[in-house]
Amino acid sequence: MKACTKPPTTEPRVRKSAALGVERRRSERRWIDGVATVFELNGAHFGQMHTLCQVDYSDGGMGAVCPQALPNGTSISVGFQSPQCSARFGNVIRCDRINEGYRLGILFQ
């Protein structure tokens, strides 16, 4: 896996629904500095730790790159290196293979 790097742009990323042509998120995502650490809270890998990078964060969830796949539905605890974000609980709702590892979508509880 490549080292954690800041994304090429610091502008907020906008995801538009192909069918509707509008933003579907309820709150704006923003890139945060540093890395995040995830602990799995259920299943056979309870307590396993993963480091996430290229983190984008909103009030309702986050996206990040992880070197390992985390199955959809995995309950997690997330801690952030950045002081602007507090620790959160959430669930993995998306895990897609990409060049750098896996792109995760996490919905906060």
PDB file of N, CA and C in Angstrom:
ATOM      1  N   MET A   1       0.839  -1.188   0.000  1.00  0.00           N
ATOM      2  CA  MET A   1       0.000   0.000   0.000  1.00  0.00           C
ATOM      3  C   MET A   1       0.872   1.233   0.000  1.00  0.00           C
ATOM      4  N   LYS A   2       0.451   2.246  -0.724  1.00  0.00           N
ATOM      5  CA  LYS A   2       1.159   3.507  -0.738  1.00  0.00           C
ATOM      6  C   LYS A   2       0.997   4.193   0.611  1.00  0.00           C
ATOM      7  N   ALA A   3       1.973   5.041   0.936  1.00  0.00           N
ATOM      8  CA  ALA A   3       1.881   5.809   2.179  1.00  0.00           C
ATOM      9  C   ALA A   3       0.668   6.722   2.122  1.00  0.00           C
ATOM     10  N   CYS A   4       0.133   7.052   3.284  1.00  0.00           N
ATOM     11  CA  CYS A   4      -0.999   7.957   3.340  1.00  0.00           C
ATOM     12  C   CYS A   4      -0.581   9.325   2.839  1.00  0.00           C
ATOM     13  N   THR A   5      -1.317   9.833   1.893  1.00  0.00           N
ATOM     14  CA  THR A   5      -1.029  11.142   1.333  1.00  0.00           C
ATOM     15  C   THR A   5      -2.283  11.975   1.315  1.00  0.00           C
ATOM     16  N   LYS A   6      -2.100  13.259   1.276  1.00  0.00           N
ATOM     17  CA  LYS A   6      -3.235  14.162   1.163  1.00  0.00           C
ATOM     18  C   LYS A   6      -3.774  14.086  -0.258  1.00  0.00           C
ATOM     19  N   PRO A   7      -5.066  14.174  -0.448  1.00  0.00           N
ATOM     20  CA  PRO A   7      -5.624  14.124  -1.796  1.00  0.00           C
ATOM     21  C   PRO A   7      -5.139  15.293  -2.633  1.00  0.00           C
ATOM     22  N   PRO A   8      -5.234  15.194  -3.958  1.00  0.00           N
ATOM     23  CA  PRO A   8      -4.712  16.228  -4.824  1.00  0.00           C
ATOM     24  C   PRO A   8      -5.399  17.578  -4.697  1.00  0.00           C
ATOM     25  N   THR A   9      -6.589  17.629  -4.164  1.00  0.00           N
ATOM     26  CA  THR A   9      -7.300  18.894  -4.017  1.00  0.00           C
ATOM     27  C   THR A   9      -7.850  19.002  -2.604  1.00  0.00           C
ATOM     28  N   THR A  10      -7.948  20.211  -2.103  1.00  0.00           N
ATOM     29  CA  THR A  10      -8.525  20.408  -0.779  1.00  0.00           C
ATOM     30  C   THR A  10      -9.962  20.901  -0.873  1.00  0.00           C
ATOM     31  N   GLU A  11     -10.466  21.028  -2.096  1.00  0.00           N
ATOM     32  CA  GLU A  11     -11.850  21.449  -2.270  1.00  0.00           C
ATOM     33  C   GLU A  11     -12.772  20.308  -1.874  1.00  0.00           C
ATOM     34  N   PRO A  12     -13.952  20.606  -1.326  1.00  0.00           N
ATOM     35  CA  PRO A  12     -14.892  19.554  -0.971  1.00  0.00           C
ATOM     36  C   PRO A  12     -15.267  18.729  -2.206  1.00  0.00           C
ATOM     37  N   ARG A  13     -15.312  17.421  -2.023  1.00  0.00           N
ATOM     38  CA  ARG A  13     -15.727  16.567  -3.128  1.00  0.00           C
ATOM     39  C   ARG A  13     -17.240  16.532  -3.169  1.00  0.00           C
ATOM     40  N   VAL A  14     -17.790  16.573  -4.352  1.00  0.00           N
ATOM     41  CA  VAL A  14     -19.235  16.554  -4.514  1.00  0.00           C
ATOM     42  C   VAL A  14     -19.602  15.293  -5.262  1.00  0.00           C
ATOM     43  N   ARG A  15     -20.487  14.521  -4.697  1.00  0.00           N
ATOM     44  CA  ARG A  15     -20.961  13.308  -5.336  1.00  0.00           C
ATOM     45  C   ARG A  15     -22.384  13.556  -5.779  1.00  0.00           C
ATOM     46  N   LYS A  16     -22.621  13.400  -7.047  1.00  0.00           N
ATOM     47  CA  LYS A  16     -23.956  13.655  -7.574  1.00  0.00           C
ATOM     48  C   LYS A  16     -24.586  12.352  -8.037  1.00  0.00           C
ATOM     49  N   SER A  17     -25.843  12.228  -7.784  1.00  0.00           N
ATOM     50  CA  SER A  17     -26.585  11.085  -8.272  1.00  0.00           C
ATOM     51  C   SER A  17     -26.658  11.176  -9.793  1.00  0.00           C
ATOM     52  N   ALA A  18     -26.292  10.101 -10.472  1.00  0.00           N
ATOM     53  CA  ALA A  18     -26.305  10.110 -11.936  1.00  0.00           C
ATOM     54  C   ALA A  18     -27.715  10.346 -12.466  1.00  0.00           C
ATOM     55  N   ALA A  19     -28.684   9.786 -11.805  1.00  0.00           N
ATOM     56  CA  ALA A  19     -30.057   9.904 -12.287  1.00  0.00           C
ATOM     57  C   ALA A  19     -30.649  11.291 -12.010  1.00  0.00           C
ATOM     58  N   LEU A  20     -30.348  11.848 -10.851  1.00  0.00           N
ATOM     59  CA  LEU A  20     -30.977  13.095 -10.450  1.00  0.00           C
ATOM     60  C   LEU A  20     -30.106  14.324 -10.704  1.00  0.00           C
ATOM     61  N   GLY A  21     -28.787  14.148 -10.772  1.00  0.00           N
ATOM     62  CA  GLY A  21     -27.899  15.277 -10.972  1.00  0.00           C
ATOM     63  C   GLY A  21     -27.826  16.205  -9.778  1.00  0.00           C
ATOM     64  N   VAL A  22     -28.088  15.698  -8.572  1.00  0.00           N
ATOM     65  CA  VAL A  22     -28.045  16.507  -7.355  1.00  0.00           C
ATOM     66  C   VAL A  22     -27.220  15.810  -6.291  1.00  0.00           C
ATOM     67  N   GLU A  23     -26.722  16.602  -5.348  1.00  0.00           N
ATOM     68  CA  GLU A  23     -25.975  16.070  -4.218  1.00  0.00           C
ATOM     69  C   GLU A  23     -26.929  15.297  -3.310  1.00  0.00           C
ATOM     70  N   ARG A  24     -26.522  14.080  -2.915  1.00  0.00           N
ATOM     71  CA  ARG A  24     -27.361  13.243  -2.065  1.00  0.00           C
ATOM     72  C   ARG A  24     -27.008  13.355  -0.592  1.00  0.00           C
ATOM     73  N   ARG A  25     -25.830  13.831  -0.271  1.00  0.00           N
ATOM     74  CA  ARG A  25     -25.412  13.903   1.126  1.00  0.00           C
ATOM     75  C   ARG A  25     -26.124  15.047   1.833  1.00  0.00           C
ATOM     76  N   ARG A  26     -26.332  14.850   3.128  1.00  0.00           N
ATOM     77  CA  ARG A  26     -27.002  15.878   3.924  1.00  0.00           C
ATOM     78  C   ARG A  26     -26.030  16.913   4.474  1.00  0.00           C
ATOM     79  N   SER A  27     -24.760  16.550   4.572  1.00  0.00           N
ATOM     80  CA  SER A  27     -23.766  17.507   5.065  1.00  0.00           C
ATOM     81  C   SER A  27     -22.506  17.404   4.215  1.00  0.00           C
ATOM     82  N   GLU A  28     -21.790  18.508   4.149  1.00  0.00           N
ATOM     83  CA  GLU A  28     -20.599  18.599   3.313  1.00  0.00           C
ATOM     84  C   GLU A  28     -19.467  17.754   3.877  1.00  0.00           C
ATOM     85  N   ARG A  29     -18.749  17.076   2.993  1.00  0.00           N
ATOM     86  CA  ARG A  29     -17.571  16.327   3.399  1.00  0.00           C
ATOM     87  C   ARG A  29     -16.365  17.232   3.325  1.00  0.00           C
ATOM     88  N   ARG A  30     -15.426  17.019   4.257  1.00  0.00           N
ATOM     89  CA  ARG A  30     -14.191  17.784   4.240  1.00  0.00           C
ATOM     90  C   ARG A  30     -13.019  16.844   4.497  1.00  0.00           C
ATOM     91  N   TRP A  31     -11.899  17.129   3.849  1.00  0.00           N
ATOM     92  CA  TRP A  31     -10.685  16.345   4.071  1.00  0.00           C
ATOM     93  C   TRP A  31     -10.134  16.699   5.428  1.00  0.00           C
ATOM     94  N   ILE A  32      -9.625  15.709   6.147  1.00  0.00           N
ATOM     95  CA  ILE A  32      -8.983  15.998   7.424  1.00  0.00           C
ATOM     96  C   ILE A  32      -7.524  15.560   7.350  1.00  0.00           C
ATOM     97  N   ASP A  33      -6.695  16.264   8.081  1.00  0.00           N
ATOM     98  CA  ASP A  33      -5.274  15.942   8.111  1.00  0.00           C
ATOM     99  C   ASP A  33      -5.025  14.713   8.967  1.00  0.00           C
ATOM    100  N   GLY A  34      -3.951  14.003   8.645  1.00  0.00           N
ATOM    101  CA  GLY A  34      -3.552  12.854   9.443  1.00  0.00           C
ATOM    102  C   GLY A  34      -4.305  11.592   9.076  1.00  0.00           C
ATOM    103  N   VAL A  35      -4.213  10.640   9.960  1.00  0.00           N
ATOM    104  CA  VAL A  35      -4.831   9.336   9.737  1.00  0.00           C
ATOM    105  C   VAL A  35      -5.908   9.092  10.786  1.00  0.00           C
ATOM    106  N   ALA A  36      -6.659   8.040  10.569  1.00  0.00           N
ATOM    107  CA  ALA A  36      -7.651   7.591  11.549  1.00  0.00           C
ATOM    108  C   ALA A  36      -7.343   6.136  11.886  1.00  0.00           C
ATOM    109  N   THR A  37      -7.726   5.730  13.073  1.00  0.00           N
ATOM    110  CA  THR A  37      -7.524   4.349  13.502  1.00  0.00           C
ATOM    111  C   THR A  37      -8.882   3.732  13.792  1.00  0.00           C
ATOM    112  N   VAL A  38      -9.091   2.531  13.244  1.00  0.00           N
ATOM    113  CA  VAL A  38     -10.358   1.823  13.399  1.00  0.00           C
ATOM    114  C   VAL A  38     -10.130   0.554  14.213  1.00  0.00           C
ATOM    115  N   PHE A  39     -11.041   0.285  15.140  1.00  0.00           N
ATOM    116  CA  PHE A  39     -11.053  -0.976  15.871  1.00  0.00           C
ATOM    117  C   PHE A  39     -12.345  -1.701  15.535  1.00  0.00           C
ATOM    118  N   GLU A  40     -12.230  -2.962  15.137  1.00  0.00           N
ATOM    119  CA  GLU A  40     -13.423  -3.766  14.852  1.00  0.00           C
ATOM    120  C   GLU A  40     -14.089  -4.152  16.164  1.00  0.00           C
ATOM    121  N   LEU A  41     -15.429  -4.066  16.211  1.00  0.00           N
ATOM    122  CA  LEU A  41     -16.178  -4.311  17.441  1.00  0.00           C
ATOM    123  C   LEU A  41     -17.042  -5.559  17.410  1.00  0.00           C
ATOM    124  N   ASN A  42     -17.035  -6.288  16.291  1.00  0.00           N
ATOM    125  CA  ASN A  42     -17.844  -7.505  16.231  1.00  0.00           C
ATOM    126  C   ASN A  42     -17.149  -8.556  15.379  1.00  0.00           C
ATOM    127  N   GLY A  43     -17.670  -9.758  15.430  1.00  0.00           N
ATOM    128  CA  GLY A  43     -17.162 -10.822  14.580  1.00  0.00           C
ATOM    129  C   GLY A  43     -15.867 -11.447  15.072  1.00  0.00           C
ATOM    130  N   ALA A  44     -15.295 -12.272  14.222  1.00  0.00           N
ATOM    131  CA  ALA A  44     -14.092 -13.022  14.557  1.00  0.00           C
ATOM    132  C   ALA A  44     -12.866 -12.135  14.720  1.00  0.00           C
ATOM    133  N   HIS A  45     -12.919 -10.917  14.207  1.00  0.00           N
ATOM    134  CA  HIS A  45     -11.770 -10.011  14.268  1.00  0.00           C
ATOM    135  C   HIS A  45     -11.943  -8.912  15.310  1.00  0.00           C
ATOM    136  N   PHE A  46     -12.739  -9.192  16.350  1.00  0.00           N
ATOM    137  CA  PHE A  46     -12.986  -8.210  17.405  1.00  0.00           C
ATOM    138  C   PHE A  46     -11.661  -7.665  17.930  1.00  0.00           C
ATOM    139  N   GLY A  47     -11.554  -6.329  18.008  1.00  0.00           N
ATOM    140  CA  GLY A  47     -10.366  -5.688  18.548  1.00  0.00           C
ATOM    141  C   GLY A  47      -9.252  -5.457  17.543  1.00  0.00           C
ATOM    142  N   GLN A  48      -9.375  -6.006  16.342  1.00  0.00           N
ATOM    143  CA  GLN A  48      -8.337  -5.802  15.331  1.00  0.00           C
ATOM    144  C   GLN A  48      -8.292  -4.330  14.940  1.00  0.00           C
ATOM    145  N   MET A  49      -7.080  -3.803  14.804  1.00  0.00           N
ATOM    146  CA  MET A  49      -6.880  -2.391  14.513  1.00  0.00           C
ATOM    147  C   MET A  49      -6.462  -2.208  13.056  1.00  0.00           C
ATOM    148  N   HIS A  50      -6.958  -1.132  12.424  1.00  0.00           N
ATOM    149  CA  HIS A  50      -6.619  -0.781  11.045  1.00  0.00           C
ATOM    150  C   HIS A  50      -6.339   0.713  10.984  1.00  0.00           C
ATOM    151  N   THR A  51      -5.376   1.097  10.155  1.00  0.00           N
ATOM    152  CA  THR A  51      -5.065   2.504   9.949  1.00  0.00           C
ATOM    153  C   THR A  51      -5.686   2.957   8.632  1.00  0.00           C
ATOM    154  N   LEU A  52      -6.420   4.056   8.688  1.00  0.00           N
ATOM    155  CA  LEU A  52      -7.071   4.618   7.509  1.00  0.00           C
ATOM    156  C   LEU A  52      -6.358   5.902   7.099  1.00  0.00           C
ATOM    157  N   CYS A  53      -6.302   6.153   5.798  1.00  0.00           N
ATOM    158  CA  CYS A  53      -5.740   7.411   5.317  1.00  0.00           C
ATOM    159  C   CYS A  53      -6.650   7.990   4.250  1.00  0.00           C
ATOM    160  N   GLN A  54      -6.283   9.167   3.738  1.00  0.00           N
ATOM    161  CA  GLN A  54      -7.096   9.902   2.771  1.00  0.00           C
ATOM    162  C   GLN A  54      -8.540   9.989   3.255  1.00  0.00           C
ATOM    163  N   VAL A  55      -8.685  10.522   4.454  1.00  0.00           N
ATOM    164  CA  VAL A  55      -9.976  10.551   5.137  1.00  0.00           C
ATOM    165  C   VAL A  55     -10.777  11.787   4.742  1.00  0.00           C
ATOM    166  N   ASP A  56     -12.024  11.561   4.320  1.00  0.00           N
ATOM    167  CA  ASP A  56     -12.966  12.669   4.182  1.00  0.00           C
ATOM    168  C   ASP A  56     -14.092  12.415   5.162  1.00  0.00           C
ATOM    169  N   TYR A  57     -14.547  13.475   5.816  1.00  0.00           N
ATOM    170  CA  TYR A  57     -15.364  13.376   7.015  1.00  0.00           C
ATOM    171  C   TYR A  57     -16.557  14.311   6.914  1.00  0.00           C
ATOM    172  N   SER A  58     -17.702  13.846   7.400  1.00  0.00           N
ATOM    173  CA  SER A  58     -18.874  14.708   7.539  1.00  0.00           C
ATOM    174  C   SER A  58     -19.545  14.364   8.856  1.00  0.00           C
ATOM    175  N   ASP A  59     -20.606  15.069   9.181  1.00  0.00           N
ATOM    176  CA  ASP A  59     -21.297  14.788  10.436  1.00  0.00           C
ATOM    177  C   ASP A  59     -21.911  13.394  10.458  1.00  0.00           C
ATOM    178  N   GLY A  60     -22.297  12.870   9.288  1.00  0.00           N
ATOM    179  CA  GLY A  60     -22.987  11.583   9.245  1.00  0.00           C
ATOM    180  C   GLY A  60     -22.137  10.382   8.909  1.00  0.00           C
ATOM    181  N   GLY A  61     -20.909  10.607   8.423  1.00  0.00           N
ATOM    182  CA  GLY A  61     -20.087   9.471   8.054  1.00  0.00           C
ATOM    183  C   GLY A  61     -18.748   9.908   7.504  1.00  0.00           C
ATOM    184  N   MET A  62     -18.030   8.954   6.942  1.00  0.00           N
ATOM    185  CA  MET A  62     -16.712   9.247   6.408  1.00  0.00           C
ATOM    186  C   MET A  62     -16.347   8.252   5.321  1.00  0.00           C
ATOM    187  N   GLY A  63     -15.387   8.633   4.526  1.00  0.00           N
ATOM    188  CA  GLY A  63     -14.788   7.751   3.550  1.00  0.00           C
ATOM    189  C   GLY A  63     -13.297   7.737   3.812  1.00  0.00           C
ATOM    190  N   ALA A  64     -12.638   6.608   3.537  1.00  0.00           N
ATOM    191  CA  ALA A  64     -11.202   6.504   3.771  1.00  0.00           C
ATOM    192  C   ALA A  64     -10.651   5.308   3.014  1.00  0.00           C
ATOM    193  N   VAL A  65      -9.329   5.263   2.933  1.00  0.00           N
ATOM    194  CA  VAL A  65      -8.647   4.139   2.300  1.00  0.00           C
ATOM    195  C   VAL A  65      -8.009   3.289   3.393  1.00  0.00           C
ATOM    196  N   CYS A  66      -8.195   1.978   3.285  1.00  0.00           N
ATOM    197  CA  CYS A  66      -7.667   1.018   4.252  1.00  0.00           C
ATOM    198  C   CYS A  66      -6.907  -0.072   3.492  1.00  0.00           C
ATOM    199  N   PRO A  67      -5.789  -0.540   4.014  1.00  0.00           N
ATOM    200  CA  PRO A  67      -5.060  -1.597   3.321  1.00  0.00           C
ATOM    201  C   PRO A  67      -5.790  -2.942   3.331  1.00  0.00           C
ATOM    202  N   GLN A  68      -6.683  -3.160   4.305  1.00  0.00           N
ATOM    203  CA  GLN A  68      -7.436  -4.411   4.401  1.00  0.00           C
ATOM    204  C   GLN A  68      -8.920  -4.158   4.133  1.00  0.00           C
ATOM    205  N   ALA A  69      -9.578  -5.179   3.616  1.00  0.00           N
ATOM    206  CA  ALA A  69     -11.031  -5.103   3.414  1.00  0.00           C
ATOM    207  C   ALA A  69     -11.729  -5.277   4.755  1.00  0.00           C
ATOM    208  N   LEU A  70     -12.780  -4.498   4.955  1.00  0.00           N
ATOM    209  CA  LEU A  70     -13.664  -4.667   6.111  1.00  0.00           C
ATOM    210  C   LEU A  70     -15.055  -4.944   5.555  1.00  0.00           C
ATOM    211  N   PRO A  71     -15.639  -6.073   5.899  1.00  0.00           N
ATOM    212  CA  PRO A  71     -16.940  -6.432   5.328  1.00  0.00           C
ATOM    213  C   PRO A  71     -18.039  -5.432   5.678  1.00  0.00           C
ATOM    214  N   ASN A  72     -18.983  -5.263   4.758  1.00  0.00           N
ATOM    215  CA  ASN A  72     -20.153  -4.431   5.039  1.00  0.00           C
ATOM    216  C   ASN A  72     -20.824  -4.935   6.308  1.00  0.00           C
ATOM    217  N   GLY A  73     -21.270  -4.005   7.140  1.00  0.00           N
ATOM    218  CA  GLY A  73     -21.937  -4.359   8.387  1.00  0.00           C
ATOM    219  C   GLY A  73     -21.003  -4.441   9.576  1.00  0.00           C
ATOM    220  N   THR A  74     -19.695  -4.358   9.349  1.00  0.00           N
ATOM    221  CA  THR A  74     -18.744  -4.416  10.458  1.00  0.00           C
ATOM    222  C   THR A  74     -18.935  -3.198  11.357  1.00  0.00           C
ATOM    223  N   SER A  75     -19.126  -3.446  12.653  1.00  0.00           N
ATOM    224  CA  SER A  75     -19.219  -2.358  13.636  1.00  0.00           C
ATOM    225  C   SER A  75     -17.813  -1.940  14.016  1.00  0.00           C
ATOM    226  N   ILE A  76     -17.590  -0.620  14.087  1.00  0.00           N
ATOM    227  CA  ILE A  76     -16.251  -0.123  14.352  1.00  0.00           C
ATOM    228  C   ILE A  76     -16.281   1.057  15.309  1.00  0.00           C
ATOM    229  N   SER A  77     -15.120   1.312  15.886  1.00  0.00           N
ATOM    230  CA  SER A  77     -14.846   2.529  16.638  1.00  0.00           C
ATOM    231  C   SER A  77     -13.736   3.234  15.879  1.00  0.00           C
ATOM    232  N   VAL A  78     -13.881   4.549  15.665  1.00  0.00           N
ATOM    233  CA  VAL A  78     -12.898   5.306  14.894  1.00  0.00           C
ATOM    234  C   VAL A  78     -12.313   6.417  15.758  1.00  0.00           C
ATOM    235  N   GLY A  79     -10.992   6.483  15.798  1.00  0.00           N
ATOM    236  CA  GLY A  79     -10.291   7.569  16.464  1.00  0.00           C
ATOM    237  C   GLY A  79      -9.497   8.341  15.422  1.00  0.00           C
ATOM    238  N   PHE A  80      -9.338   9.629  15.629  1.00  0.00           N
ATOM    239  CA  PHE A  80      -8.710  10.485  14.632  1.00  0.00           C
ATOM    240  C   PHE A  80      -7.453  11.138  15.178  1.00  0.00           C
ATOM    241  N   GLN A  81      -6.445  11.261  14.320  1.00  0.00           N
ATOM    242  CA  GLN A  81      -5.230  11.973  14.673  1.00  0.00           C
ATOM    243  C   GLN A  81      -5.506  13.475  14.748  1.00  0.00           C
ATOM    244  N   SER A  82      -6.412  13.950  13.914  1.00  0.00           N
ATOM    245  CA  SER A  82      -6.739  15.366  13.855  1.00  0.00           C
ATOM    246  C   SER A  82      -7.557  15.778  15.077  1.00  0.00           C
ATOM    247  N   PRO A  83      -7.168  16.865  15.743  1.00  0.00           N
ATOM    248  CA  PRO A  83      -7.927  17.327  16.903  1.00  0.00           C
ATOM    249  C   PRO A  83      -9.298  17.899  16.552  1.00  0.00           C
ATOM    250  N   GLN A  84      -9.558  18.160  15.258  1.00  0.00           N
ATOM    251  CA  GLN A  84     -10.852  18.721  14.866  1.00  0.00           C
ATOM    252  C   GLN A  84     -11.967  17.671  14.835  1.00  0.00           C
ATOM    253  N   CYS A  85     -11.636  16.395  15.016  1.00  0.00           N
ATOM    254  CA  CYS A  85     -12.637  15.317  14.961  1.00  0.00           C
ATOM    255  C   CYS A  85     -12.606  14.495  16.233  1.00  0.00           C
ATOM    256  N   SER A  86     -13.779  14.213  16.788  1.00  0.00           N
ATOM    257  CA  SER A  86     -13.856  13.347  17.963  1.00  0.00           C
ATOM    258  C   SER A  86     -14.060  11.894  17.548  1.00  0.00           C
ATOM    259  N   ALA A  87     -13.730  11.004  18.457  1.00  0.00           N
ATOM    260  CA  ALA A  87     -13.917   9.571  18.207  1.00  0.00           C
ATOM    261  C   ALA A  87     -15.397   9.284  17.961  1.00  0.00           C
ATOM    262  N   ARG A  88     -15.672   8.323  17.095  1.00  0.00           N
ATOM    263  CA  ARG A  88     -17.049   7.989  16.724  1.00  0.00           C
ATOM    264  C   ARG A  88     -17.212   6.477  16.616  1.00  0.00           C
ATOM    265  N   PHE A  89     -18.453   6.015  16.750  1.00  0.00           N
ATOM    266  CA  PHE A  89     -18.823   4.638  16.439  1.00  0.00           C
ATOM    267  C   PHE A  89     -19.534   4.645  15.104  1.00  0.00           C
ATOM    268  N   GLY A  90     -19.424   3.550  14.373  1.00  0.00           N
ATOM    269  CA  GLY A  90     -20.086   3.477  13.084  1.00  0.00           C
ATOM    270  C   GLY A  90     -20.117   2.078  12.526  1.00  0.00           C
ATOM    271  N   ASN A  91     -20.607   1.972  11.294  1.00  0.00           N
ATOM    272  CA  ASN A  91     -20.687   0.702  10.579  1.00  0.00           C
ATOM    273  C   ASN A  91     -20.168   0.882   9.166  1.00  0.00           C
ATOM    274  N   VAL A  92     -19.444  -0.118   8.689  1.00  0.00           N
ATOM    275  CA  VAL A  92     -18.972  -0.103   7.313  1.00  0.00           C
ATOM    276  C   VAL A  92     -20.175  -0.362   6.410  1.00  0.00           C
ATOM    277  N   ILE A  93     -20.409   0.539   5.453  1.00  0.00           N
ATOM    278  CA  ILE A  93     -21.538   0.361   4.537  1.00  0.00           C
ATOM    279  C   ILE A  93     -21.078   0.161   3.101  1.00  0.00           C
ATOM    280  N   ARG A  94     -19.764   0.320   2.878  1.00  0.00           N
ATOM    281  CA  ARG A  94     -19.234   0.116   1.530  1.00  0.00           C
ATOM    282  C   ARG A  94     -17.758  -0.232   1.631  1.00  0.00           C
ATOM    283  N   CYS A  95     -17.318  -1.162   0.800  1.00  0.00           N
ATOM    284  CA  CYS A  95     -15.909  -1.554   0.758  1.00  0.00           C
ATOM    285  C   CYS A  95     -15.581  -1.944  -0.683  1.00  0.00           C
ATOM    286  N   ASP A  96     -14.868  -1.056  -1.389  1.00  0.00           N
ATOM    287  CA  ASP A  96     -14.542  -1.268  -2.800  1.00  0.00           C
ATOM    288  C   ASP A  96     -13.040  -1.376  -2.979  1.00  0.00           C
ATOM    289  N   ARG A  97     -12.606  -2.370  -3.737  1.00  0.00           N
ATOM    290  CA  ARG A  97     -11.175  -2.548  -4.039  1.00  0.00           C
ATOM    291  C   ARG A  97     -10.712  -1.406  -4.941  1.00  0.00           C
ATOM    292  N   ILE A  98      -9.592  -0.778  -4.575  1.00  0.00           N
ATOM    293  CA  ILE A  98      -8.960   0.259  -5.402  1.00  0.00           C
ATOM    294  C   ILE A  98      -7.464  -0.029  -5.424  1.00  0.00           C
ATOM    295  N   ASN A  99      -6.713   0.731  -6.194  1.00  0.00           N
ATOM    296  CA  ASN A  99      -5.269   0.501  -6.300  1.00  0.00           C
ATOM    297  C   ASN A  99      -4.550   0.544  -4.967  1.00  0.00           C
ATOM    298  N   GLU A 100      -4.933   1.472  -4.106  1.00  0.00           N
ATOM    299  CA  GLU A 100      -4.245   1.663  -2.826  1.00  0.00           C
ATOM    300  C   GLU A 100      -4.715   0.731  -1.726  1.00  0.00           C
ATOM    301  N   GLY A 101      -5.674  -0.115  -1.965  1.00  0.00           N
ATOM    302  CA  GLY A 101      -6.231  -0.997  -0.944  1.00  0.00           C
ATOM    303  C   GLY A 101      -7.733  -1.091  -1.117  1.00  0.00           C
ATOM    304  N   TYR A 102      -8.483  -0.560  -0.139  1.00  0.00           N
ATOM    305  CA  TYR A 102      -9.946  -0.607  -0.170  1.00  0.00           C
ATOM    306  C   TYR A 102     -10.498   0.753   0.225  1.00  0.00           C
ATOM    307  N   ARG A 103     -11.440   1.235  -0.540  1.00  0.00           N
ATOM    308  CA  ARG A 103     -12.125   2.487  -0.218  1.00  0.00           C
ATOM    309  C   ARG A 103     -13.336   2.129   0.627  1.00  0.00           C
ATOM    310  N   LEU A 104     -13.369   2.623   1.862  1.00  0.00           N
ATOM    311  CA  LEU A 104     -14.456   2.321   2.793  1.00  0.00           C
ATOM    312  C   LEU A 104     -15.430   3.475   2.870  1.00  0.00           C
ATOM    313  N   GLY A 105     -16.700   3.146   3.009  1.00  0.00           N
ATOM    314  CA  GLY A 105     -17.740   4.102   3.358  1.00  0.00           C
ATOM    315  C   GLY A 105     -18.218   3.729   4.742  1.00  0.00           C
ATOM    316  N   ILE A 106     -18.231   4.674   5.657  1.00  0.00           N
ATOM    317  CA  ILE A 106     -18.600   4.409   7.048  1.00  0.00           C
ATOM    318  C   ILE A 106     -19.735   5.352   7.437  1.00  0.00           C
ATOM    319  N   LEU A 107     -20.792   4.780   7.985  1.00  0.00           N
ATOM    320  CA  LEU A 107     -21.937   5.548   8.476  1.00  0.00           C
ATOM    321  C   LEU A 107     -21.819   5.632   9.987  1.00  0.00           C
ATOM    322  N   PHE A 108     -21.787   6.856  10.535  1.00  0.00           N
ATOM    323  CA  PHE A 108     -21.676   7.030  11.982  1.00  0.00           C
ATOM    324  C   PHE A 108     -23.015   6.721  12.647  1.00  0.00           C
ATOM    325  N   GLN A 109     -22.926   6.232  13.882  1.00  0.00           N
ATOM    326  CA  GLN A 109     -24.137   5.958  14.678  1.00  0.00           C
ATOM    327  C   GLN A 109     -24.560   7.216  15.404  1.00  0.00           C
TER     328      GLN A 109
END
